[in-house]
Amino acid sequence: MATKIRLQRGGRKGYAFYRIVIADARAPRDGRFTEKIGTYNPNTDPATVDLNFDRALYWVEVGAQPTDTVRNILSNEGVYLMKHLRGGVRKGAFDEATAQKKFDAWKEEKLKGFEAVREKNAKAKKDAAAKNLEEEKKKNEEIAKKVADKKAAEVAEETPAEEVAAEETVEAPVEEPKAEEAPAAEEAPAEEAPAEEPAEA
């Protein structure tokens, strides 16, 4: 029986979620399987892999053939590196402790790389958000400036009409008091003149 390590699709339409399974090569993709050794979710950034490392290593060592995608997943998780290191232990190139130490160093380096990628992505998102906010502010300032200019133009159009009306209102009462004051001034001396004549008699 040819044994394959493959992905079995789950999830809903437009949101695929996969199980990593050991199955007969003749079985259908989503059909019967021997063992489930993990899950793979490509919808996250980076993709999330939950793998039973020891079982995956066992099946690789006994000759199970992975599909291309599963091979990449196992390689990224270090399964093939550990297989290689165990081969070195069997040949006597180094002992088990040295192999584990090399694997741990590789794992730590990989985790640092993941952290750097996450930080870079977070920084890129933050910069993009700041840029969008700046562009939004500029657009709002331009809109506010246009509105202010429009209001200023409307006020400028209304002001001359109001000034003309105000000037007409001010000029009319000023002319009328002058006409009223003039007769009063003329009548005053006429009244005083007769008062002086009886005093001489």
N, C-alpha and C. Protein backbone atom coordinates (compact mmCIF):
# COMPACT_ATOMS: atom_id res chain seq x y z
N MET A 1 0.86 -1.20 0.00
CA MET A 1 0.00 0.00 0.00
C MET A 1 0.89 1.24 0.00
N ALA A 2 0.72 2.11 -1.00
CA ALA A 2 1.46 3.38 -1.06
C ALA A 2 0.80 4.37 -0.10
N THR A 3 1.59 4.84 0.87
CA THR A 3 1.05 5.76 1.87
C THR A 3 1.44 7.18 1.51
N LYS A 4 0.46 8.07 1.58
CA LYS A 4 0.69 9.49 1.25
C LYS A 4 0.40 10.35 2.48
N ILE A 5 1.14 11.45 2.59
CA ILE A 5 0.80 12.50 3.56
C ILE A 5 0.20 13.62 2.72
N ARG A 6 -1.05 13.91 2.96
CA ARG A 6 -1.76 14.87 2.10
C ARG A 6 -2.66 15.78 2.92
N LEU A 7 -3.23 16.76 2.22
CA LEU A 7 -4.19 17.69 2.82
C LEU A 7 -5.60 17.22 2.52
N GLN A 8 -6.45 17.28 3.54
CA GLN A 8 -7.87 16.95 3.37
C GLN A 8 -8.65 18.24 3.64
N ARG A 9 -9.42 18.66 2.63
CA ARG A 9 -10.08 19.97 2.73
C ARG A 9 -11.27 19.95 3.66
N GLY A 10 -11.37 21.04 4.43
CA GLY A 10 -12.55 21.27 5.28
C GLY A 10 -12.91 22.74 5.18
N GLY A 11 -13.66 23.23 6.15
CA GLY A 11 -14.04 24.63 6.13
C GLY A 11 -15.23 24.89 5.23
N ARG A 12 -15.51 26.15 5.00
CA ARG A 12 -16.68 26.52 4.18
C ARG A 12 -16.21 27.09 2.84
N LYS A 13 -17.16 27.42 2.01
CA LYS A 13 -16.86 27.97 0.70
C LYS A 13 -16.16 29.32 0.85
N GLY A 14 -15.04 29.47 0.18
CA GLY A 14 -14.28 30.72 0.26
C GLY A 14 -13.39 30.81 1.48
N TYR A 15 -13.41 29.80 2.35
CA TYR A 15 -12.57 29.81 3.56
C TYR A 15 -12.10 28.37 3.80
N ALA A 16 -11.09 27.97 3.05
CA ALA A 16 -10.60 26.59 3.13
C ALA A 16 -9.78 26.38 4.39
N PHE A 17 -9.97 25.20 4.99
CA PHE A 17 -9.21 24.79 6.17
C PHE A 17 -8.85 23.33 5.95
N TYR A 18 -7.58 22.98 6.18
CA TYR A 18 -7.12 21.63 5.81
C TYR A 18 -6.64 20.83 7.02
N ARG A 19 -6.90 19.51 6.96
CA ARG A 19 -6.30 18.56 7.90
C ARG A 19 -5.12 17.91 7.20
N ILE A 20 -4.03 17.69 7.93
CA ILE A 20 -2.88 16.96 7.38
C ILE A 20 -3.07 15.51 7.80
N VAL A 21 -3.25 14.62 6.83
CA VAL A 21 -3.59 13.23 7.14
C VAL A 21 -2.65 12.25 6.45
N ILE A 22 -2.59 11.05 7.03
CA ILE A 22 -1.91 9.92 6.41
C ILE A 22 -2.99 9.07 5.76
N ALA A 23 -2.88 8.84 4.44
CA ALA A 23 -3.94 8.12 3.72
C ALA A 23 -3.33 7.24 2.64
N ASP A 24 -4.12 6.26 2.22
CA ASP A 24 -3.75 5.43 1.07
C ASP A 24 -3.80 6.30 -0.18
N ALA A 25 -2.83 6.11 -1.05
CA ALA A 25 -2.75 6.92 -2.27
C ALA A 25 -3.98 6.73 -3.14
N ARG A 26 -4.67 5.58 -3.02
CA ARG A 26 -5.84 5.30 -3.84
C ARG A 26 -7.12 5.89 -3.27
N ALA A 27 -7.08 6.35 -2.02
CA ALA A 27 -8.29 6.91 -1.39
C ALA A 27 -8.57 8.29 -1.96
N PRO A 28 -9.87 8.69 -2.04
CA PRO A 28 -10.19 10.04 -2.52
C PRO A 28 -9.67 11.11 -1.57
N ARG A 29 -9.57 12.34 -2.10
CA ARG A 29 -8.96 13.43 -1.33
C ARG A 29 -9.60 13.62 0.05
N ASP A 30 -10.93 13.67 0.09
CA ASP A 30 -11.64 13.91 1.35
C ASP A 30 -12.22 12.61 1.92
N GLY A 31 -11.65 11.50 1.50
CA GLY A 31 -12.19 10.20 1.93
C GLY A 31 -11.49 9.64 3.16
N ARG A 32 -11.41 8.33 3.21
CA ARG A 32 -10.90 7.63 4.38
C ARG A 32 -9.40 7.90 4.55
N PHE A 33 -8.96 8.02 5.81
CA PHE A 33 -7.54 8.23 6.10
C PHE A 33 -7.12 7.37 7.28
N THR A 34 -5.79 7.16 7.40
CA THR A 34 -5.25 6.31 8.47
C THR A 34 -5.10 7.07 9.77
N GLU A 35 -4.54 8.30 9.67
CA GLU A 35 -4.26 9.08 10.88
C GLU A 35 -4.23 10.57 10.54
N LYS A 36 -4.70 11.37 11.46
CA LYS A 36 -4.60 12.83 11.32
C LYS A 36 -3.41 13.29 12.15
N ILE A 37 -2.49 14.02 11.51
CA ILE A 37 -1.28 14.45 12.24
C ILE A 37 -1.20 15.98 12.42
N GLY A 38 -2.20 16.71 11.91
CA GLY A 38 -2.15 18.15 12.12
C GLY A 38 -3.18 18.89 11.29
N THR A 39 -3.12 20.21 11.37
CA THR A 39 -4.02 21.07 10.60
C THR A 39 -3.21 22.19 9.95
N TYR A 40 -3.79 22.75 8.89
CA TYR A 40 -3.14 23.84 8.13
C TYR A 40 -4.20 24.87 7.76
N ASN A 41 -3.99 26.11 8.20
CA ASN A 41 -4.94 27.19 7.91
C ASN A 41 -4.23 28.27 7.10
N PRO A 42 -4.49 28.34 5.78
CA PRO A 42 -3.81 29.33 4.94
C PRO A 42 -4.44 30.71 4.98
N ASN A 43 -5.52 30.88 5.75
CA ASN A 43 -6.25 32.16 5.75
C ASN A 43 -5.61 33.21 6.65
N THR A 44 -4.70 32.79 7.53
CA THR A 44 -4.02 33.75 8.41
C THR A 44 -2.73 34.22 7.75
N ASP A 45 -2.14 35.27 8.30
CA ASP A 45 -0.88 35.80 7.77
C ASP A 45 0.13 35.93 8.91
N PRO A 46 1.15 35.08 9.00
CA PRO A 46 1.43 33.94 8.12
C PRO A 46 0.49 32.77 8.38
N ALA A 47 0.52 31.77 7.48
CA ALA A 47 -0.37 30.61 7.61
C ALA A 47 -0.12 29.89 8.93
N THR A 48 -1.19 29.36 9.54
CA THR A 48 -1.10 28.67 10.83
C THR A 48 -1.01 27.17 10.61
N VAL A 49 0.01 26.56 11.22
CA VAL A 49 0.20 25.11 11.13
C VAL A 49 0.24 24.54 12.54
N ASP A 50 -0.62 23.54 12.80
CA ASP A 50 -0.62 22.82 14.08
C ASP A 50 -0.27 21.37 13.75
N LEU A 51 0.96 20.96 14.08
CA LEU A 51 1.48 19.67 13.62
C LEU A 51 1.94 18.82 14.80
N ASN A 52 1.56 17.52 14.76
CA ASN A 52 2.11 16.55 15.71
C ASN A 52 3.49 16.15 15.17
N PHE A 53 4.52 16.81 15.68
CA PHE A 53 5.87 16.69 15.10
C PHE A 53 6.37 15.25 15.12
N ASP A 54 6.21 14.57 16.25
CA ASP A 54 6.75 13.20 16.39
C ASP A 54 6.10 12.24 15.40
N ARG A 55 4.77 12.32 15.24
CA ARG A 55 4.08 11.43 14.31
C ARG A 55 4.44 11.74 12.86
N ALA A 56 4.59 13.04 12.55
CA ALA A 56 5.00 13.43 11.20
C ALA A 56 6.39 12.88 10.90
N LEU A 57 7.30 13.00 11.88
CA LEU A 57 8.66 12.48 11.70
C LEU A 57 8.64 10.97 11.51
N TYR A 58 7.83 10.28 12.31
CA TYR A 58 7.73 8.82 12.19
C TYR A 58 7.30 8.42 10.78
N TRP A 59 6.22 9.05 10.26
CA TRP A 59 5.70 8.66 8.96
C TRP A 59 6.68 9.01 7.83
N VAL A 60 7.40 10.10 7.96
CA VAL A 60 8.41 10.45 6.96
C VAL A 60 9.54 9.41 6.97
N GLU A 61 9.94 8.98 8.19
CA GLU A 61 11.05 8.01 8.30
C GLU A 61 10.66 6.62 7.79
N VAL A 62 9.36 6.28 7.87
CA VAL A 62 8.96 4.95 7.38
C VAL A 62 8.61 4.97 5.89
N GLY A 63 8.75 6.15 5.25
CA GLY A 63 8.63 6.20 3.79
C GLY A 63 7.34 6.75 3.23
N ALA A 64 6.48 7.36 4.05
CA ALA A 64 5.25 7.98 3.52
C ALA A 64 5.63 9.16 2.62
N GLN A 65 4.99 9.25 1.47
CA GLN A 65 5.33 10.29 0.49
C GLN A 65 4.38 11.49 0.62
N PRO A 66 4.91 12.69 0.93
CA PRO A 66 4.03 13.87 1.04
C PRO A 66 3.75 14.48 -0.32
N THR A 67 2.63 15.17 -0.42
CA THR A 67 2.37 15.98 -1.61
C THR A 67 3.29 17.21 -1.56
N ASP A 68 3.34 17.97 -2.64
CA ASP A 68 4.25 19.13 -2.70
C ASP A 68 3.97 20.14 -1.60
N THR A 69 2.69 20.44 -1.39
CA THR A 69 2.32 21.42 -0.37
C THR A 69 2.69 20.92 1.02
N VAL A 70 2.39 19.64 1.29
CA VAL A 70 2.70 19.08 2.61
C VAL A 70 4.22 19.01 2.81
N ARG A 71 4.96 18.73 1.73
CA ARG A 71 6.43 18.70 1.84
C ARG A 71 6.95 20.07 2.30
N ASN A 72 6.40 21.14 1.71
CA ASN A 72 6.81 22.50 2.12
C ASN A 72 6.46 22.77 3.58
N ILE A 73 5.26 22.32 4.00
CA ILE A 73 4.84 22.52 5.38
C ILE A 73 5.78 21.78 6.33
N LEU A 74 6.06 20.51 6.04
CA LEU A 74 6.94 19.70 6.90
C LEU A 74 8.36 20.27 6.92
N SER A 75 8.81 20.75 5.79
CA SER A 75 10.15 21.34 5.73
C SER A 75 10.22 22.60 6.59
N ASN A 76 9.18 23.45 6.50
CA ASN A 76 9.15 24.68 7.30
C ASN A 76 9.07 24.38 8.80
N GLU A 77 8.43 23.26 9.15
CA GLU A 77 8.32 22.88 10.56
C GLU A 77 9.57 22.15 11.07
N GLY A 78 10.50 21.82 10.18
CA GLY A 78 11.76 21.20 10.59
C GLY A 78 11.76 19.68 10.63
N VAL A 79 10.74 19.04 10.07
CA VAL A 79 10.65 17.58 10.09
C VAL A 79 11.80 16.97 9.29
N TYR A 80 12.07 17.53 8.11
CA TYR A 80 13.13 16.97 7.27
C TYR A 80 14.52 17.26 7.84
N LEU A 81 14.66 18.39 8.52
CA LEU A 81 15.94 18.68 9.19
C LEU A 81 16.20 17.66 10.29
N MET A 82 15.18 17.36 11.08
CA MET A 82 15.35 16.38 12.16
C MET A 82 15.63 14.99 11.58
N LYS A 83 14.98 14.65 10.47
CA LYS A 83 15.26 13.36 9.82
C LYS A 83 16.73 13.30 9.41
N HIS A 84 17.23 14.38 8.84
CA HIS A 84 18.63 14.46 8.42
C HIS A 84 19.57 14.34 9.63
N LEU A 85 19.25 15.03 10.72
CA LEU A 85 20.10 14.98 11.92
C LEU A 85 20.09 13.58 12.53
N ARG A 86 18.94 12.92 12.53
CA ARG A 86 18.87 11.56 13.06
C ARG A 86 19.70 10.59 12.20
N GLY A 87 19.72 10.85 10.90
CA GLY A 87 20.58 10.04 10.02
C GLY A 87 22.04 10.21 10.39
N GLY A 88 22.43 11.46 10.74
CA GLY A 88 23.80 11.71 11.18
C GLY A 88 24.12 11.00 12.48
N VAL A 89 23.15 10.93 13.39
CA VAL A 89 23.35 10.23 14.68
C VAL A 89 23.54 8.73 14.42
N ARG A 90 22.72 8.17 13.52
CA ARG A 90 22.83 6.74 13.21
C ARG A 90 24.20 6.40 12.60
N LYS A 91 24.72 7.33 11.81
CA LYS A 91 26.02 7.09 11.18
C LYS A 91 27.18 7.37 12.12
N GLY A 92 26.89 7.98 13.27
CA GLY A 92 27.94 8.26 14.25
C GLY A 92 28.66 9.57 14.03
N ALA A 93 28.11 10.46 13.19
CA ALA A 93 28.73 11.76 12.95
C ALA A 93 28.68 12.64 14.19
N PHE A 94 27.60 12.57 14.96
CA PHE A 94 27.45 13.29 16.23
C PHE A 94 26.41 12.56 17.07
N ASP A 95 26.34 12.97 18.35
CA ASP A 95 25.42 12.28 19.25
C ASP A 95 24.04 12.94 19.25
N GLU A 96 23.10 12.33 19.98
CA GLU A 96 21.71 12.79 20.04
C GLU A 96 21.61 14.21 20.61
N ALA A 97 22.40 14.52 21.65
CA ALA A 97 22.35 15.83 22.29
C ALA A 97 22.78 16.92 21.31
N THR A 98 23.83 16.65 20.53
CA THR A 98 24.31 17.63 19.54
C THR A 98 23.25 17.86 18.46
N ALA A 99 22.60 16.77 18.04
CA ALA A 99 21.55 16.88 17.03
C ALA A 99 20.41 17.75 17.55
N GLN A 100 20.00 17.52 18.79
CA GLN A 100 18.91 18.31 19.38
C GLN A 100 19.32 19.78 19.52
N LYS A 101 20.59 20.00 19.89
CA LYS A 101 21.09 21.37 20.05
C LYS A 101 21.05 22.11 18.70
N LYS A 102 21.46 21.42 17.63
CA LYS A 102 21.43 22.04 16.29
C LYS A 102 19.99 22.33 15.87
N PHE A 103 19.10 21.41 16.17
CA PHE A 103 17.70 21.62 15.81
C PHE A 103 17.11 22.80 16.57
N ASP A 104 17.40 22.89 17.87
CA ASP A 104 16.89 24.01 18.69
C ASP A 104 17.41 25.35 18.18
N ALA A 105 18.70 25.38 17.77
CA ALA A 105 19.28 26.62 17.25
C ALA A 105 18.57 27.03 15.96
N TRP A 106 18.28 26.04 15.09
CA TRP A 106 17.57 26.33 13.85
C TRP A 106 16.16 26.85 14.13
N LYS A 107 15.49 26.21 15.10
CA LYS A 107 14.12 26.61 15.46
C LYS A 107 14.09 28.04 16.00
N GLU A 108 15.07 28.36 16.85
CA GLU A 108 15.13 29.71 17.42
C GLU A 108 15.36 30.74 16.32
N GLU A 109 16.25 30.43 15.38
CA GLU A 109 16.52 31.33 14.26
C GLU A 109 15.25 31.55 13.43
N LYS A 110 14.52 30.47 13.20
CA LYS A 110 13.29 30.55 12.41
C LYS A 110 12.25 31.41 13.12
N LEU A 111 12.13 31.24 14.45
CA LEU A 111 11.17 32.04 15.21
C LEU A 111 11.53 33.52 15.15
N LYS A 112 12.83 33.83 15.20
CA LYS A 112 13.26 35.23 15.08
C LYS A 112 12.86 35.79 13.72
N GLY A 113 13.02 34.96 12.69
CA GLY A 113 12.61 35.38 11.35
C GLY A 113 11.12 35.67 11.28
N PHE A 114 10.31 34.79 11.91
CA PHE A 114 8.85 35.01 11.94
C PHE A 114 8.51 36.30 12.67
N GLU A 115 9.20 36.55 13.79
CA GLU A 115 8.94 37.77 14.56
C GLU A 115 9.28 39.00 13.73
N ALA A 116 10.41 38.93 13.00
CA ALA A 116 10.81 40.06 12.15
C ALA A 116 9.77 40.33 11.08
N VAL A 117 9.25 39.23 10.47
CA VAL A 117 8.22 39.38 9.44
C VAL A 117 6.95 40.00 10.03
N ARG A 118 6.55 39.52 11.23
CA ARG A 118 5.35 40.07 11.89
C ARG A 118 5.52 41.55 12.19
N GLU A 119 6.69 41.91 12.72
CA GLU A 119 6.95 43.32 13.04
C GLU A 119 6.93 44.18 11.78
N LYS A 120 7.52 43.64 10.71
CA LYS A 120 7.55 44.37 9.44
C LYS A 120 6.13 44.59 8.92
N ASN A 121 5.30 43.53 8.97
CA ASN A 121 3.91 43.64 8.52
C ASN A 121 3.13 44.64 9.37
N ALA A 122 3.35 44.56 10.71
CA ALA A 122 2.65 45.49 11.61
C ALA A 122 3.07 46.93 11.33
N LYS A 123 4.37 47.14 11.10
CA LYS A 123 4.87 48.49 10.81
C LYS A 123 4.30 48.99 9.49
N ALA A 124 4.26 48.10 8.48
CA ALA A 124 3.72 48.49 7.18
C ALA A 124 2.25 48.89 7.31
N LYS A 125 1.48 48.13 8.10
CA LYS A 125 0.06 48.47 8.32
C LYS A 125 -0.08 49.81 9.03
N LYS A 126 0.79 50.02 10.03
CA LYS A 126 0.74 51.27 10.80
C LYS A 126 1.08 52.46 9.91
N ASP A 127 2.13 52.31 9.08
CA ASP A 127 2.53 53.39 8.17
C ASP A 127 1.42 53.68 7.15
N ALA A 128 0.81 52.60 6.64
CA ALA A 128 -0.28 52.78 5.67
C ALA A 128 -1.46 53.52 6.31
N ALA A 129 -1.77 53.16 7.57
CA ALA A 129 -2.88 53.83 8.27
C ALA A 129 -2.55 55.30 8.50
N ALA A 130 -1.28 55.59 8.88
CA ALA A 130 -0.87 56.98 9.11
C ALA A 130 -0.93 57.78 7.81
N LYS A 131 -0.50 57.15 6.71
CA LYS A 131 -0.54 57.82 5.41
C LYS A 131 -1.98 58.12 5.00
N ASN A 132 -2.86 57.14 5.19
CA ASN A 132 -4.28 57.35 4.86
C ASN A 132 -4.89 58.47 5.69
N LEU A 133 -4.50 58.52 6.99
CA LEU A 133 -5.01 59.56 7.87
C LEU A 133 -4.53 60.93 7.41
N GLU A 134 -3.25 61.01 7.00
CA GLU A 134 -2.70 62.28 6.52
C GLU A 134 -3.40 62.74 5.25
N GLU A 135 -3.64 61.80 4.34
CA GLU A 135 -4.34 62.15 3.10
C GLU A 135 -5.77 62.61 3.39
N GLU A 136 -6.41 61.94 4.36
CA GLU A 136 -7.77 62.32 4.75
C GLU A 136 -7.79 63.73 5.33
N LYS A 137 -6.77 64.04 6.15
CA LYS A 137 -6.68 65.39 6.73
C LYS A 137 -6.52 66.45 5.65
N LYS A 138 -5.65 66.15 4.66
CA LYS A 138 -5.43 67.11 3.57
C LYS A 138 -6.72 67.33 2.78
N LYS A 139 -7.44 66.24 2.51
CA LYS A 139 -8.71 66.37 1.78
C LYS A 139 -9.70 67.21 2.58
N ASN A 140 -9.78 66.96 3.89
CA ASN A 140 -10.70 67.72 4.74
C ASN A 140 -10.34 69.20 4.77
N GLU A 141 -9.01 69.49 4.82
CA GLU A 141 -8.56 70.88 4.82
C GLU A 141 -8.93 71.57 3.51
N GLU A 142 -8.76 70.85 2.38
CA GLU A 142 -9.12 71.43 1.08
C GLU A 142 -10.63 71.71 1.00
N ILE A 143 -11.42 70.75 1.51
CA ILE A 143 -12.88 70.94 1.50
C ILE A 143 -13.26 72.12 2.38
N ALA A 144 -12.63 72.21 3.58
CA ALA A 144 -12.93 73.33 4.49
C ALA A 144 -12.54 74.66 3.86
N LYS A 145 -11.41 74.67 3.13
CA LYS A 145 -10.97 75.91 2.48
C LYS A 145 -11.96 76.33 1.39
N LYS A 146 -12.43 75.35 0.60
CA LYS A 146 -13.41 75.65 -0.46
C LYS A 146 -14.71 76.21 0.14
N VAL A 147 -15.15 75.59 1.24
CA VAL A 147 -16.38 76.05 1.91
C VAL A 147 -16.21 77.47 2.43
N ALA A 148 -15.03 77.74 3.04
CA ALA A 148 -14.76 79.08 3.58
C ALA A 148 -14.72 80.12 2.46
N ASP A 149 -14.08 79.77 1.33
CA ASP A 149 -14.03 80.70 0.19
C ASP A 149 -15.43 80.98 -0.36
N LYS A 150 -16.24 79.92 -0.42
CA LYS A 150 -17.61 80.09 -0.92
C LYS A 150 -18.42 81.01 0.00
N LYS A 151 -18.26 80.79 1.32
CA LYS A 151 -18.98 81.66 2.28
C LYS A 151 -18.51 83.10 2.18
N ALA A 152 -17.19 83.28 2.02
CA ALA A 152 -16.64 84.64 1.91
C ALA A 152 -17.18 85.33 0.66
N ALA A 153 -17.30 84.58 -0.44
CA ALA A 153 -17.85 85.15 -1.68
C ALA A 153 -19.31 85.54 -1.49
N GLU A 154 -20.08 84.70 -0.79
CA GLU A 154 -21.49 85.01 -0.54
C GLU A 154 -21.63 86.26 0.33
N VAL A 155 -20.77 86.38 1.36
CA VAL A 155 -20.80 87.56 2.24
C VAL A 155 -20.43 88.80 1.47
N ALA A 156 -19.42 88.69 0.57
CA ALA A 156 -18.99 89.84 -0.25
C ALA A 156 -20.11 90.31 -1.17
N GLU A 157 -20.90 89.39 -1.69
CA GLU A 157 -22.02 89.76 -2.57
C GLU A 157 -23.14 90.44 -1.78
N GLU A 158 -23.39 89.99 -0.57
CA GLU A 158 -24.47 90.57 0.24
C GLU A 158 -24.10 91.94 0.81
N THR A 159 -22.84 92.19 1.12
CA THR A 159 -22.38 93.41 1.79
C THR A 159 -22.66 94.68 0.99
N PRO A 160 -22.36 94.79 -0.32
CA PRO A 160 -22.65 96.04 -1.06
C PRO A 160 -24.13 96.41 -1.04
N ALA A 161 -25.01 95.45 -1.19
CA ALA A 161 -26.46 95.75 -1.17
C ALA A 161 -26.87 96.29 0.19
N GLU A 162 -26.30 95.73 1.27
CA GLU A 162 -26.64 96.20 2.62
C GLU A 162 -26.10 97.61 2.85
N GLU A 163 -24.88 97.89 2.32
CA GLU A 163 -24.29 99.23 2.50
C GLU A 163 -25.10 100.29 1.78
N VAL A 164 -25.55 99.97 0.56
CA VAL A 164 -26.36 100.93 -0.21
C VAL A 164 -27.66 101.23 0.54
N ALA A 165 -28.30 100.20 1.05
CA ALA A 165 -29.54 100.39 1.79
C ALA A 165 -29.29 101.21 3.06
N ALA A 166 -28.18 100.96 3.73
CA ALA A 166 -27.85 101.68 4.96
C ALA A 166 -27.57 103.15 4.66
N GLU A 167 -26.85 103.44 3.54
CA GLU A 167 -26.55 104.82 3.18
C GLU A 167 -27.84 105.60 2.87
N GLU A 168 -28.76 104.96 2.15
CA GLU A 168 -30.02 105.63 1.84
C GLU A 168 -30.79 105.94 3.11
N THR A 169 -30.78 104.99 4.07
CA THR A 169 -31.50 105.19 5.32
C THR A 169 -30.88 106.32 6.13
N VAL A 170 -29.56 106.42 6.12
CA VAL A 170 -28.87 107.45 6.91
C VAL A 170 -29.06 108.83 6.27
N GLU A 171 -28.98 108.94 4.93
CA GLU A 171 -29.05 110.24 4.26
C GLU A 171 -30.43 110.89 4.40
N ALA A 172 -31.51 110.14 4.33
CA ALA A 172 -32.86 110.71 4.38
C ALA A 172 -33.13 111.45 5.69
N PRO A 173 -32.87 110.89 6.88
CA PRO A 173 -33.14 111.65 8.10
C PRO A 173 -32.21 112.83 8.28
N VAL A 174 -31.00 112.80 7.74
CA VAL A 174 -30.07 113.92 7.94
C VAL A 174 -30.56 115.15 7.20
N GLU A 175 -31.15 114.97 6.01
CA GLU A 175 -31.63 116.11 5.23
C GLU A 175 -32.86 116.75 5.87
N GLU A 176 -33.77 115.97 6.45
CA GLU A 176 -35.00 116.49 7.04
C GLU A 176 -34.75 117.39 8.24
N PRO A 177 -33.86 117.07 9.18
CA PRO A 177 -33.62 117.99 10.30
C PRO A 177 -33.09 119.33 9.86
N LYS A 178 -32.28 119.37 8.79
CA LYS A 178 -31.76 120.66 8.33
C LYS A 178 -32.92 121.54 7.86
N ALA A 179 -33.88 120.95 7.17
CA ALA A 179 -35.03 121.72 6.69
C ALA A 179 -35.87 122.22 7.86
N GLU A 180 -35.97 121.46 8.92
CA GLU A 180 -36.77 121.87 10.08
C GLU A 180 -36.07 122.94 10.90
N GLU A 181 -34.71 122.85 10.99
CA GLU A 181 -33.95 123.82 11.80
C GLU A 181 -33.95 125.21 11.17
N ALA A 182 -33.94 125.25 9.87
CA ALA A 182 -33.87 126.56 9.18
C ALA A 182 -35.07 127.45 9.51
N PRO A 183 -36.29 127.00 9.46
CA PRO A 183 -37.41 127.86 9.81
C PRO A 183 -37.38 128.28 11.27
N ALA A 184 -36.93 127.46 12.13
CA ALA A 184 -36.86 127.83 13.56
C ALA A 184 -35.92 128.98 13.76
N ALA A 185 -34.81 128.95 13.03
CA ALA A 185 -33.81 130.03 13.15
C ALA A 185 -34.39 131.34 12.61
N GLU A 186 -35.16 131.27 11.55
CA GLU A 186 -35.72 132.48 10.96
C GLU A 186 -36.82 133.08 11.85
N GLU A 187 -37.60 132.24 12.53
CA GLU A 187 -38.71 132.72 13.36
C GLU A 187 -38.21 133.37 14.65
N ALA A 188 -37.12 132.95 15.17
CA ALA A 188 -36.62 133.48 16.46
C ALA A 188 -36.36 134.98 16.40
N PRO A 189 -35.67 135.55 15.42
CA PRO A 189 -35.43 136.99 15.41
C PRO A 189 -36.74 137.78 15.23
N ALA A 190 -37.73 137.25 14.53
CA ALA A 190 -38.98 137.96 14.33
C ALA A 190 -39.71 138.13 15.65
N GLU A 191 -39.59 137.18 16.52
CA GLU A 191 -40.27 137.27 17.81
C GLU A 191 -39.58 138.29 18.72
N GLU A 192 -38.23 138.35 18.61
CA GLU A 192 -37.45 139.25 19.49
C GLU A 192 -37.67 140.73 19.10
N ALA A 193 -37.85 141.00 17.85
CA ALA A 193 -37.96 142.40 17.37
C ALA A 193 -39.16 143.13 17.97
N PRO A 194 -40.34 142.60 18.00
CA PRO A 194 -41.45 143.31 18.59
C PRO A 194 -41.28 143.55 20.08
N ALA A 195 -40.51 142.71 20.76
CA ALA A 195 -40.33 142.86 22.21
C ALA A 195 -39.53 144.11 22.50
N GLU A 196 -38.61 144.51 21.60
CA GLU A 196 -37.76 145.69 21.83
C GLU A 196 -38.55 147.02 21.63
N GLU A 197 -39.51 147.06 20.69
CA GLU A 197 -40.22 148.29 20.38
C GLU A 197 -41.06 148.78 21.57
N PRO A 198 -41.80 147.98 22.31
CA PRO A 198 -42.54 148.51 23.44
C PRO A 198 -41.61 149.03 24.52
N ALA A 199 -40.42 148.53 24.63
CA ALA A 199 -39.50 149.01 25.65
C ALA A 199 -39.13 150.43 25.39
N GLU A 200 -38.98 150.88 24.11
CA GLU A 200 -38.60 152.30 23.78
C GLU A 200 -39.77 153.24 24.07
N ALA A 201 -41.01 152.80 23.88
CA ALA A 201 -42.16 153.66 24.10
C ALA A 201 -42.30 153.89 25.57
